[in-house]
N, C-alpha and C. Protein backbone atom coordinates (compact mmCIF):
# COMPACT_ATOMS: atom_id res chain seq x y z
N MET A 1 185.49 140.28 89.60
CA MET A 1 184.37 140.91 89.55
C MET A 1 183.52 140.30 88.52
N ARG A 2 182.27 139.87 88.63
CA ARG A 2 181.60 139.48 87.52
C ARG A 2 180.85 140.65 86.90
N ASN A 3 180.66 140.31 85.45
CA ASN A 3 180.08 141.22 84.64
C ASN A 3 178.55 141.02 84.52
N LYS A 4 177.85 141.64 85.31
CA LYS A 4 176.32 141.52 85.43
C LYS A 4 175.61 141.72 84.25
N LYS A 5 175.96 142.62 83.16
CA LYS A 5 175.50 142.88 82.12
C LYS A 5 175.36 141.72 81.20
N ALA A 6 176.44 141.00 80.99
CA ALA A 6 176.55 139.64 80.22
C ALA A 6 175.49 138.58 80.73
N ASP A 7 175.40 138.32 82.06
CA ASP A 7 174.38 137.64 82.74
C ASP A 7 172.93 138.01 82.18
N LEU A 8 172.50 139.02 82.25
CA LEU A 8 171.46 139.62 81.86
C LEU A 8 171.25 139.32 80.32
N SER A 9 172.13 139.57 79.60
CA SER A 9 172.13 139.46 78.07
C SER A 9 171.93 137.87 77.83
N LEU A 10 172.63 136.92 78.52
CA LEU A 10 172.56 135.66 78.29
C LEU A 10 171.15 135.15 78.72
N SER A 11 170.43 135.45 79.68
CA SER A 11 169.13 135.11 80.00
C SER A 11 168.05 135.54 79.22
N THR A 12 168.27 136.75 78.49
CA THR A 12 167.00 137.33 77.43
C THR A 12 167.45 136.41 76.42
N ASN A 13 168.62 136.05 75.86
CA ASN A 13 168.44 135.24 74.68
C ASN A 13 167.93 134.00 75.08
N ALA A 14 168.11 133.34 76.09
CA ALA A 14 167.52 132.12 76.41
C ALA A 14 166.21 132.26 76.46
N ILE A 15 165.52 133.12 77.00
CA ILE A 15 164.09 133.45 77.16
C ILE A 15 163.35 133.57 75.59
N VAL A 16 164.18 134.25 74.67
CA VAL A 16 163.78 134.50 73.42
C VAL A 16 163.85 133.11 72.58
N VAL A 17 164.79 132.30 72.76
CA VAL A 17 165.06 130.98 72.13
C VAL A 17 163.77 130.12 72.56
N LEU A 18 163.64 130.08 73.97
CA LEU A 18 162.49 129.25 74.58
C LEU A 18 161.19 129.67 74.09
N ILE A 19 160.86 131.02 73.79
CA ILE A 19 159.65 131.29 73.26
C ILE A 19 159.47 131.05 71.73
N ILE A 20 160.38 131.08 71.06
CA ILE A 20 160.46 130.90 69.66
C ILE A 20 160.32 129.16 69.56
N ALA A 21 161.09 128.45 70.45
CA ALA A 21 160.88 126.99 70.35
C ALA A 21 159.58 126.39 70.70
N ILE A 22 158.90 127.19 71.78
CA ILE A 22 157.41 126.70 72.02
C ILE A 22 156.60 127.09 70.95
N THR A 23 156.69 128.23 70.36
CA THR A 23 155.87 128.56 69.28
C THR A 23 155.89 127.61 68.02
N MET A 24 157.21 127.30 67.60
CA MET A 24 157.33 126.12 66.50
C MET A 24 156.79 125.09 67.09
N LEU A 25 156.90 124.55 68.05
CA LEU A 25 156.30 123.16 68.68
C LEU A 25 154.76 123.27 68.47
N GLY A 26 154.20 124.31 69.00
CA GLY A 26 152.72 124.53 68.82
C GLY A 26 152.29 124.58 67.20
N LEU A 27 153.15 125.37 66.39
CA LEU A 27 152.72 125.41 65.12
C LEU A 27 152.80 123.95 64.27
N ALA A 28 153.92 123.16 64.80
CA ALA A 28 153.87 121.60 64.27
C ALA A 28 152.89 120.90 64.69
N LEU A 29 152.57 120.93 66.01
CA LEU A 29 151.44 119.97 66.34
C LEU A 29 150.07 120.52 66.00
N GLY A 30 149.76 121.80 65.41
CA GLY A 30 148.52 122.28 64.87
C GLY A 30 148.46 121.65 63.54
N PHE A 31 149.85 121.74 62.79
CA PHE A 31 149.67 121.25 61.33
C PHE A 31 149.63 119.96 61.26
N THR A 32 150.16 119.15 62.23
CA THR A 32 149.94 117.64 62.32
C THR A 32 148.45 117.11 62.57
N ARG A 33 147.86 117.78 63.67
CA ARG A 33 146.55 117.73 63.90
C ARG A 33 145.48 118.01 62.80
N GLY A 34 145.88 118.97 62.16
CA GLY A 34 145.10 119.12 60.70
C GLY A 34 145.14 118.25 59.68
N ILE A 35 146.51 117.94 59.59
CA ILE A 35 146.70 116.64 58.61
C ILE A 35 145.68 115.68 59.02
N PHE A 36 146.14 114.97 60.11
CA PHE A 36 145.42 113.69 60.59
C PHE A 36 143.82 113.95 60.61
N SER A 37 143.32 115.03 61.10
CA SER A 37 141.93 115.07 60.97
C SER A 37 141.18 115.15 59.57
N SER A 38 141.80 115.67 58.71
CA SER A 38 141.16 115.68 57.47
C SER A 38 141.43 114.50 56.72
N LEU A 39 142.69 113.74 57.19
CA LEU A 39 142.70 112.50 56.40
C LEU A 39 141.84 111.32 57.06
N GLY A 40 141.46 111.68 58.30
CA GLY A 40 140.41 110.77 58.93
C GLY A 40 138.91 110.97 58.36
N GLU A 41 138.86 112.04 57.83
CA GLU A 41 137.49 112.50 57.34
C GLU A 41 137.54 111.84 55.80
N LYS A 42 138.47 111.79 55.37
CA LYS A 42 138.63 111.02 53.97
C LYS A 42 138.46 109.64 53.89
N ILE A 43 139.15 109.25 54.94
CA ILE A 43 139.03 107.59 55.25
C ILE A 43 137.58 107.43 55.46
N LYS A 44 137.13 108.15 56.38
CA LYS A 44 135.67 107.98 56.60
C LYS A 44 134.72 108.09 55.41
N ASN A 45 134.90 109.10 54.66
CA ASN A 45 133.91 109.12 53.52
C ASN A 45 134.34 107.97 52.50
N LEU A 46 135.55 107.81 52.28
CA LEU A 46 135.93 106.76 51.24
C LEU A 46 135.17 105.27 51.78
N GLY A 47 135.20 104.82 53.08
CA GLY A 47 134.56 103.85 53.59
C GLY A 47 133.06 103.70 53.25
N GLY A 48 132.35 104.99 53.59
CA GLY A 48 130.97 105.18 53.34
C GLY A 48 130.49 104.79 51.93
N GLN A 49 131.55 105.01 50.96
CA GLN A 49 131.09 105.12 49.33
C GLN A 49 130.62 103.40 49.27
N THR A 50 131.36 102.37 49.84
CA THR A 50 131.15 101.07 49.33
C THR A 50 130.30 100.22 50.45
N ILE A 51 130.03 101.00 51.50
CA ILE A 51 129.05 99.90 52.47
C ILE A 51 127.65 100.34 52.21
N ILE A 52 126.88 99.23 51.82
CA ILE A 52 125.65 99.51 51.54
C ILE A 52 124.94 99.02 52.65
N GLU A 53 123.74 99.96 53.27
CA GLU A 53 123.07 99.47 54.44
C GLU A 53 122.06 98.41 53.96
N ASN A 54 121.57 98.36 52.72
CA ASN A 54 120.57 97.34 52.43
C ASN A 54 121.13 96.58 51.28
N PRO A 55 122.00 95.45 51.71
CA PRO A 55 122.51 94.76 50.48
C PRO A 55 121.39 93.92 49.74
N ALA A 56 121.90 93.77 48.51
CA ALA A 56 120.80 93.07 47.74
C ALA A 56 120.74 91.66 48.36
N THR A 57 119.18 91.19 47.97
CA THR A 57 118.82 89.80 48.23
C THR A 57 118.12 89.31 47.10
N LEU A 58 117.48 88.04 47.36
CA LEU A 58 116.79 87.20 46.49
C LEU A 58 115.48 88.23 46.16
N GLU A 59 114.76 88.71 46.95
CA GLU A 59 113.51 89.49 46.85
C GLU A 59 113.98 91.13 46.18
N LYS A 60 115.17 91.48 46.52
CA LYS A 60 115.68 92.81 45.96
C LYS A 60 116.96 92.58 45.38
N PRO A 61 117.09 92.30 44.05
CA PRO A 61 118.30 91.78 43.52
C PRO A 61 119.18 92.92 43.21
N ILE A 62 118.77 94.11 42.99
CA ILE A 62 119.84 95.04 43.06
C ILE A 62 119.59 96.31 43.87
N THR A 63 120.39 96.93 44.61
CA THR A 63 119.92 98.02 45.64
C THR A 63 120.93 99.07 45.47
N PHE A 64 120.64 100.16 45.82
CA PHE A 64 121.52 101.46 45.94
C PHE A 64 121.81 102.07 47.13
N THR A 65 122.77 102.78 47.51
CA THR A 65 123.05 103.54 48.76
C THR A 65 121.85 104.42 48.95
N ASN A 66 121.65 105.10 47.74
CA ASN A 66 120.40 106.04 47.74
C ASN A 66 119.49 105.86 46.65
N ASP A 67 118.28 105.78 46.53
CA ASP A 67 117.30 105.57 45.37
C ASP A 67 117.06 106.94 44.69
N LYS A 68 117.07 108.01 45.41
CA LYS A 68 117.11 109.42 45.21
C LYS A 68 118.04 110.21 45.30
N VAL A 69 118.74 111.00 44.51
CA VAL A 69 119.84 111.77 44.55
C VAL A 69 119.68 113.23 43.95
N GLU A 70 120.17 114.15 44.85
CA GLU A 70 119.93 115.63 44.76
C GLU A 70 121.41 116.07 44.39
N VAL A 71 121.69 116.74 43.34
CA VAL A 71 123.01 117.00 42.93
C VAL A 71 123.00 118.39 42.03
N ARG A 72 124.11 119.15 42.38
CA ARG A 72 124.27 120.35 41.36
C ARG A 72 124.87 120.11 40.06
N ARG A 73 124.45 121.02 39.09
CA ARG A 73 125.00 120.79 37.82
C ARG A 73 126.47 120.83 37.91
N GLY A 74 127.16 119.99 37.21
CA GLY A 74 128.59 120.09 36.93
C GLY A 74 129.27 119.30 37.95
N ALA A 75 128.56 118.56 39.03
CA ALA A 75 129.06 118.15 40.20
C ALA A 75 129.06 116.44 39.95
N ASN A 76 129.77 115.90 40.71
CA ASN A 76 129.79 114.38 40.88
C ASN A 76 129.18 113.89 41.89
N PHE A 77 128.83 112.53 41.99
CA PHE A 77 128.40 111.92 43.22
C PHE A 77 128.63 110.50 43.18
N ASP A 78 128.78 109.96 44.25
CA ASP A 78 129.21 108.47 44.46
C ASP A 78 127.89 107.63 44.68
N LEU A 79 127.95 106.61 44.23
CA LEU A 79 127.03 105.62 44.23
C LEU A 79 127.52 104.33 44.57
N GLY A 80 126.93 103.66 45.74
CA GLY A 80 127.21 102.07 45.80
C GLY A 80 126.00 101.43 45.32
N ILE A 81 126.31 100.29 44.76
CA ILE A 81 125.22 99.28 43.96
C ILE A 81 125.67 97.96 44.77
N SER A 82 124.58 97.28 45.08
CA SER A 82 124.70 95.96 45.24
C SER A 82 123.96 95.13 44.54
N ILE A 83 124.65 93.88 44.17
CA ILE A 83 123.76 92.91 43.05
C ILE A 83 123.73 91.59 43.75
N PHE A 84 122.77 90.76 43.80
CA PHE A 84 122.56 89.58 43.93
C PHE A 84 122.34 88.82 42.89
N ASN A 85 123.06 87.69 42.77
CA ASN A 85 122.92 86.63 41.78
C ASN A 85 121.94 85.60 42.05
N ARG A 86 120.95 85.75 41.34
CA ARG A 86 119.75 84.65 41.88
C ARG A 86 119.66 83.62 40.69
N TYR A 87 120.57 83.57 39.64
CA TYR A 87 120.51 82.48 38.81
C TYR A 87 121.31 81.30 39.30
N ASP A 88 121.49 80.21 38.49
CA ASP A 88 121.82 79.01 38.93
C ASP A 88 123.21 78.80 38.82
N LEU A 89 124.01 79.87 38.04
CA LEU A 89 125.55 79.44 37.83
C LEU A 89 126.21 81.00 38.31
N THR A 90 127.43 81.05 38.37
CA THR A 90 128.48 82.31 38.56
C THR A 90 128.43 82.95 37.20
N TYR A 91 128.26 84.17 37.32
CA TYR A 91 128.19 85.04 36.33
C TYR A 91 129.16 86.39 36.46
N ASP A 92 129.56 86.86 35.32
CA ASP A 92 130.45 88.09 35.35
C ASP A 92 129.37 89.38 35.13
N TYR A 93 128.94 90.15 36.07
CA TYR A 93 127.91 91.20 35.70
C TYR A 93 128.79 92.49 35.34
N SER A 94 128.18 93.26 34.39
CA SER A 94 128.69 94.76 34.12
C SER A 94 127.64 95.73 34.20
N LEU A 95 128.03 96.80 34.47
CA LEU A 95 126.79 97.67 34.74
C LEU A 95 126.89 98.87 33.73
N THR A 96 125.47 99.37 33.42
CA THR A 96 125.19 100.42 32.52
C THR A 96 124.06 101.20 32.88
N MET A 97 124.14 102.50 32.32
CA MET A 97 123.07 103.31 32.86
C MET A 97 122.59 104.25 31.56
N ASP A 98 121.30 104.12 31.72
CA ASP A 98 120.45 104.97 30.71
C ASP A 98 119.50 106.03 31.33
N CYS A 99 119.41 107.04 31.01
CA CYS A 99 118.48 108.16 31.55
C CYS A 99 117.44 108.81 30.70
N VAL A 100 116.29 109.35 31.13
CA VAL A 100 115.44 110.00 30.50
C VAL A 100 115.11 111.25 31.28
N ASP A 101 114.57 112.31 30.77
CA ASP A 101 114.17 113.43 31.40
C ASP A 101 112.62 113.45 31.51
N GLU A 102 112.17 114.63 32.25
CA GLU A 102 110.78 114.50 32.56
C GLU A 102 109.82 114.47 31.34
N GLN A 103 110.35 114.85 30.23
CA GLN A 103 109.49 114.61 28.85
C GLN A 103 109.65 113.11 28.31
N ASN A 104 110.54 112.40 28.91
CA ASN A 104 110.68 111.30 28.48
C ASN A 104 111.63 110.98 27.16
N SER A 105 112.45 112.02 27.07
CA SER A 105 113.41 111.85 25.94
C SER A 105 114.67 111.62 26.59
N GLY A 106 115.51 110.99 25.74
CA GLY A 106 116.80 110.50 26.08
C GLY A 106 117.63 111.36 26.60
N ALA A 107 118.34 111.12 27.79
CA ALA A 107 119.35 112.21 28.53
C ALA A 107 120.48 111.52 29.03
N THR A 108 120.86 110.47 28.54
CA THR A 108 121.99 109.57 28.96
C THR A 108 123.19 110.33 28.73
N GLU A 109 123.34 111.15 27.74
CA GLU A 109 124.55 111.97 27.32
C GLU A 109 125.02 113.04 28.61
N LEU A 110 123.92 113.40 29.17
CA LEU A 110 124.14 114.53 30.30
C LEU A 110 124.86 113.96 31.67
N PHE A 111 125.02 112.38 31.50
CA PHE A 111 125.66 111.80 32.77
C PHE A 111 126.81 111.07 32.30
N THR A 112 128.05 110.99 32.74
CA THR A 112 129.05 110.04 32.71
C THR A 112 128.97 109.26 34.00
N PHE A 113 128.77 107.90 33.58
CA PHE A 113 128.74 106.93 34.43
C PHE A 113 129.97 106.21 34.22
N ILE A 114 130.77 106.25 35.46
CA ILE A 114 132.22 105.55 35.56
C ILE A 114 132.00 104.09 35.86
N ARG A 115 132.17 103.55 35.02
CA ARG A 115 131.77 101.99 35.03
C ARG A 115 132.79 101.31 35.76
N PRO A 116 132.41 100.71 36.92
CA PRO A 116 133.33 99.77 37.45
C PRO A 116 133.34 98.51 36.77
N GLY A 117 134.75 97.94 36.73
CA GLY A 117 134.84 96.61 35.93
C GLY A 117 133.77 95.43 36.31
N ALA A 118 133.61 94.58 35.42
CA ALA A 118 132.74 93.42 35.50
C ALA A 118 133.47 92.59 36.70
N LYS A 119 132.33 92.00 37.64
CA LYS A 119 132.64 91.27 38.74
C LYS A 119 131.89 90.08 38.79
N LYS A 120 132.70 89.04 39.18
CA LYS A 120 131.89 87.67 39.21
C LYS A 120 131.09 87.53 40.41
N ILE A 121 129.94 86.94 40.26
CA ILE A 121 129.08 86.78 41.58
C ILE A 121 128.71 85.59 41.52
N GLN A 122 128.86 84.78 42.66
CA GLN A 122 128.67 83.38 42.89
C GLN A 122 127.11 83.19 43.08
N VAL A 123 126.71 82.04 42.89
CA VAL A 123 125.22 81.62 42.99
C VAL A 123 124.80 82.00 44.54
N ASN A 124 123.61 82.85 44.66
CA ASN A 124 123.06 83.29 45.86
C ASN A 124 123.85 84.01 46.67
N LYS A 125 124.73 84.89 46.23
CA LYS A 125 125.71 85.87 46.93
C LYS A 125 125.40 87.23 46.34
N HIS A 126 125.97 88.10 47.01
CA HIS A 126 125.65 89.70 46.56
C HIS A 126 127.04 90.17 46.36
N VAL A 127 127.32 91.01 45.49
CA VAL A 127 128.56 91.91 45.54
C VAL A 127 128.07 93.47 45.22
N GLU A 128 129.39 94.11 45.80
CA GLU A 128 129.16 95.67 45.99
C GLU A 128 130.05 96.34 45.12
N PHE A 129 129.35 97.30 44.14
CA PHE A 129 130.07 98.21 43.18
C PHE A 129 130.12 99.30 43.80
N SER A 130 131.12 100.19 43.58
CA SER A 130 131.21 101.66 44.03
C SER A 130 131.52 102.28 42.72
N THR A 131 130.68 103.31 42.43
CA THR A 131 130.87 104.00 41.03
C THR A 131 130.54 105.68 41.30
N THR A 132 131.16 106.32 40.53
CA THR A 132 130.96 107.92 40.55
C THR A 132 130.17 108.16 39.27
N ILE A 133 129.20 109.19 39.55
CA ILE A 133 128.36 109.41 38.44
C ILE A 133 128.71 110.98 38.16
N LYS A 134 128.90 111.65 36.92
CA LYS A 134 129.28 112.98 36.86
C LYS A 134 128.25 113.48 35.96
N VAL A 135 127.74 114.72 36.58
CA VAL A 135 126.60 115.48 36.02
C VAL A 135 127.23 116.67 35.05
N SER A 136 126.49 116.58 33.83
CA SER A 136 126.99 117.78 33.05
C SER A 136 126.49 119.30 33.33
N GLN A 137 127.23 120.19 32.97
CA GLN A 137 126.66 121.44 33.23
C GLN A 137 125.36 121.95 32.57
N ASP A 138 125.06 121.05 31.37
CA ASP A 138 123.75 121.26 30.83
C ASP A 138 122.40 120.60 31.42
N ALA A 139 122.78 120.14 32.59
CA ALA A 139 121.73 119.16 33.12
C ALA A 139 120.97 120.12 34.10
N GLU A 140 119.51 119.93 34.03
CA GLU A 140 118.67 120.62 35.09
C GLU A 140 117.42 120.05 34.97
N GLY A 141 116.76 119.72 36.23
CA GLY A 141 115.44 119.23 36.28
C GLY A 141 115.50 117.68 36.98
N ILE A 142 114.50 116.99 36.80
CA ILE A 142 114.62 115.55 37.36
C ILE A 142 114.68 114.57 36.28
N TYR A 143 115.55 113.60 36.25
CA TYR A 143 116.10 112.48 35.71
C TYR A 143 115.61 111.19 36.13
N SER A 144 115.05 110.25 35.33
CA SER A 144 114.91 108.97 35.66
C SER A 144 115.94 107.88 34.88
N CYS A 145 116.90 107.50 35.81
CA CYS A 145 118.01 106.68 35.30
C CYS A 145 117.76 105.26 35.67
N THR A 146 117.91 104.43 34.63
CA THR A 146 117.95 102.96 34.86
C THR A 146 119.15 102.30 34.93
N ILE A 147 119.75 101.68 36.05
CA ILE A 147 121.03 100.88 36.09
C ILE A 147 120.73 99.67 35.84
N THR A 148 121.41 99.05 34.70
CA THR A 148 121.20 97.73 34.35
C THR A 148 122.60 96.79 34.80
N ALA A 149 122.47 95.58 35.60
CA ALA A 149 123.34 94.84 35.83
C ALA A 149 123.26 93.61 35.08
N ASP A 150 124.06 93.35 33.90
CA ASP A 150 123.74 92.48 32.62
C ASP A 150 125.01 91.24 32.87
N SER A 151 124.44 90.00 32.89
CA SER A 151 125.39 89.01 32.91
C SER A 151 125.72 88.66 31.55
N GLY A 152 125.14 89.24 30.44
CA GLY A 152 125.45 88.60 29.07
C GLY A 152 125.08 87.38 28.79
N MET A 153 124.15 86.83 29.57
CA MET A 153 123.58 85.62 29.30
C MET A 153 122.26 85.50 29.18
N VAL A 154 121.65 84.49 28.64
CA VAL A 154 120.07 84.24 28.44
C VAL A 154 119.75 83.06 29.25
N ASP A 155 118.63 82.89 29.52
CA ASP A 155 118.04 81.60 30.13
C ASP A 155 117.53 80.61 29.18
N GLU A 156 117.18 79.49 29.40
CA GLU A 156 116.35 78.64 28.81
C GLU A 156 115.31 79.10 27.78
N GLU A 157 114.51 80.08 28.27
CA GLU A 157 113.39 80.79 27.77
C GLU A 157 113.51 81.86 26.84
N GLY A 158 114.83 82.14 26.73
CA GLY A 158 115.47 83.32 25.78
C GLY A 158 115.32 84.68 26.69
N ASN A 159 115.03 84.54 28.07
CA ASN A 159 115.21 85.97 28.63
C ASN A 159 116.65 86.23 29.07
N GLN A 160 116.85 87.60 28.86
CA GLN A 160 118.14 88.13 29.29
C GLN A 160 118.47 88.03 30.92
N MET A 161 119.44 87.53 31.28
CA MET A 161 119.73 87.38 32.56
C MET A 161 120.29 88.69 33.13
N MET A 162 119.48 89.62 33.76
CA MET A 162 120.13 90.88 34.15
C MET A 162 119.20 91.26 35.37
N GLU A 163 119.72 92.39 36.06
CA GLU A 163 118.88 93.17 37.00
C GLU A 163 118.70 94.61 36.63
N GLN A 164 117.57 95.23 36.79
CA GLN A 164 117.42 96.52 36.49
C GLN A 164 116.82 97.15 37.80
N LYS A 165 117.20 98.65 38.08
CA LYS A 165 116.60 99.44 39.05
C LYS A 165 116.80 100.83 38.64
N ASP A 166 115.72 101.62 39.14
CA ASP A 166 115.51 103.13 38.67
C ASP A 166 116.31 103.77 39.74
N LEU A 167 116.83 104.98 39.20
CA LEU A 167 117.53 105.86 40.20
C LEU A 167 116.88 107.32 39.69
N MET A 168 116.33 108.00 40.88
CA MET A 168 115.89 109.39 40.48
C MET A 168 117.15 110.40 40.75
N ILE A 169 117.48 111.18 39.70
CA ILE A 169 118.44 112.26 40.00
C ILE A 169 117.71 113.58 39.86
N SER A 170 117.80 114.31 40.90
CA SER A 170 117.36 115.69 40.73
C SER A 170 118.57 116.74 40.53
N VAL A 171 118.59 117.41 39.43
CA VAL A 171 119.80 118.40 39.50
C VAL A 171 119.32 119.71 39.57
N ILE A 172 120.10 120.41 40.41
CA ILE A 172 119.66 121.88 40.80
C ILE A 172 120.59 122.75 40.40
């Protein structure tokens, strides 16, 4: 004669193991989906930093991803910069940034400009830079910052071979 109690116990254990296995599979799938979705957003944001919709041209030798930026105190923001070499030789361009506040007094120390390394730009070509600007906790108001792309060279008339463009930063 068979023991019916043992059969019932075995099927109850099988059901419990099956429920635990399904739960663990669901948790693993949810975790994996969360990791890949956040990774996808990071990759999307990373790609957006360096793609400039309005690359520099002969008429506009320096362009930014945004000409006006609104940022909180103590925060960072990314800026894409495109530079066009309109001169007759290939040059290494390096970037600097100088800022003034609404009273036209120096405020460069309120911003940390993470300078990308110098890049060689061929004649009649443009190159894109990606940089981060850190805003001090002490900054507040509207600032006009001039980004300078300097080749370090002068032309035959003694003019500095560089490009400049203003960036408005509103700190809230």
